[in-house]
């Protein structure tokens, strides 16, 4: 009886570990809008870090202003492309 339970447990563990949704090597296809959403979040995080480091005195005013402007320009481009894609209906896929 113990051998049957051991076999059942082993089969259950293999099914849990190697099921396609649980497999770390399985990657869902990303759309351009998914990539842009991730990029926007990274840019926002970089802006928060930049503001924190500037307030901590790690950046001179000129460097801070240049880096902030560059990040804001990139964010504007990403958001603009996202809006264009969403207007075309390419962002209609549900987010998980």
Protein backbone atom coordinates (compact mmCIF):
# COMPACT_ATOMS: atom_id res chain seq x y z
CA UNK A 1 0.00 0.00 0.00
CA UNK A 2 2.89 2.36 0.79
CA UNK A 3 4.49 1.71 -2.62
CA UNK A 4 1.26 2.70 -4.41
CA UNK A 5 1.03 5.92 -2.38
CA UNK A 6 4.69 6.68 -3.17
CA UNK A 7 4.14 6.15 -6.89
CA UNK A 8 1.01 8.31 -6.83
CA UNK A 9 2.88 11.05 -4.98
CA UNK A 10 5.78 10.90 -7.45
CA UNK A 11 3.43 11.14 -10.43
CA UNK A 12 1.61 14.04 -8.79
CA UNK A 13 4.89 15.87 -8.14
CA UNK A 14 6.07 15.41 -11.71
CA UNK A 15 2.74 16.68 -13.02
CA UNK A 16 2.91 19.73 -10.74
CA UNK A 17 6.52 20.58 -11.56
CA UNK A 18 6.46 19.98 -15.30
CA UNK A 19 2.96 21.18 -16.18
CA UNK A 20 3.40 23.75 -19.01
CA UNK A 21 1.99 26.73 -17.06
CA UNK A 22 4.32 26.04 -14.12
CA UNK A 23 7.40 25.50 -16.26
CA UNK A 24 9.77 28.50 -15.95
CA UNK A 25 11.04 27.87 -19.49
CA UNK A 26 7.55 28.26 -20.94
CA UNK A 27 7.00 31.84 -21.94
CA UNK A 28 3.82 33.31 -23.30
CA UNK A 29 4.10 35.29 -26.51
CA UNK A 30 4.38 38.96 -25.72
CA UNK A 31 2.85 41.57 -27.90
CA UNK A 32 4.40 44.95 -28.60
CA UNK A 33 1.93 46.56 -26.19
CA UNK A 34 3.05 44.16 -23.42
CA UNK A 35 6.66 45.12 -24.05
CA UNK A 36 5.75 48.82 -23.96
CA UNK A 37 3.87 48.43 -20.66
CA UNK A 38 6.94 46.82 -19.11
CA UNK A 39 9.21 49.51 -20.54
CA UNK A 40 6.95 52.26 -19.14
CA UNK A 41 7.15 50.73 -15.67
CA UNK A 42 10.95 50.57 -15.89
CA UNK A 43 11.13 54.22 -16.95
CA UNK A 44 8.87 55.28 -14.07
CA UNK A 45 11.01 53.31 -11.64
CA UNK A 46 14.13 54.99 -13.03
CA UNK A 47 12.49 58.40 -12.57
CA UNK A 48 11.67 57.58 -8.94
CA UNK A 49 15.25 56.43 -8.34
CA UNK A 50 16.64 59.53 -10.02
CA UNK A 51 14.47 61.81 -7.87
CA UNK A 52 15.50 59.98 -4.72
CA UNK A 53 19.19 60.15 -5.54
CA UNK A 54 18.92 63.84 -6.47
CA UNK A 55 17.24 64.63 -3.17
CA UNK A 56 19.98 62.66 -1.42
CA UNK A 57 22.53 64.97 -3.02
CA UNK A 58 24.13 62.45 -5.38
CA UNK A 59 23.47 64.46 -8.57
CA UNK A 60 24.23 68.07 -9.44
CA UNK A 61 21.28 70.13 -10.71
CA UNK A 62 22.37 70.09 -14.36
CA UNK A 63 22.91 66.31 -14.53
CA UNK A 64 19.60 65.71 -12.79
CA UNK A 65 17.75 67.99 -15.21
CA UNK A 66 19.34 66.33 -18.27
CA UNK A 67 18.63 62.78 -17.11
CA UNK A 68 15.10 63.64 -16.04
CA UNK A 69 14.36 65.26 -19.40
CA UNK A 70 15.73 62.20 -21.25
CA UNK A 71 13.61 59.81 -19.18
CA UNK A 72 10.51 61.96 -19.60
CA UNK A 73 11.05 62.10 -23.38
CA UNK A 74 11.40 58.33 -23.53
CA UNK A 75 8.26 57.89 -21.40
CA UNK A 76 6.33 60.21 -23.71
CA UNK A 77 7.43 58.19 -26.76
CA UNK A 78 6.47 54.89 -25.13
CA UNK A 79 3.08 56.19 -24.01
CA UNK A 80 2.45 57.69 -27.45
CA UNK A 81 3.18 54.38 -29.15
CA UNK A 82 0.99 52.54 -26.63
CA UNK A 83 -1.92 54.89 -27.35
CA UNK A 84 -1.47 54.46 -31.09
CA UNK A 85 -1.48 50.67 -30.78
CA UNK A 86 -4.48 50.70 -28.46
CA UNK A 87 -6.42 52.90 -30.89
CA UNK A 88 -5.70 50.38 -33.63
CA UNK A 89 -7.09 47.65 -31.41
CA UNK A 90 -3.81 45.89 -30.75
CA UNK A 91 -4.12 46.30 -26.99
CA UNK A 92 -7.45 44.53 -26.77
CA UNK A 93 -5.88 41.31 -25.49
CA UNK A 94 -6.77 40.79 -21.85
CA UNK A 95 -4.07 41.31 -19.27
CA UNK A 96 -3.35 38.38 -17.00
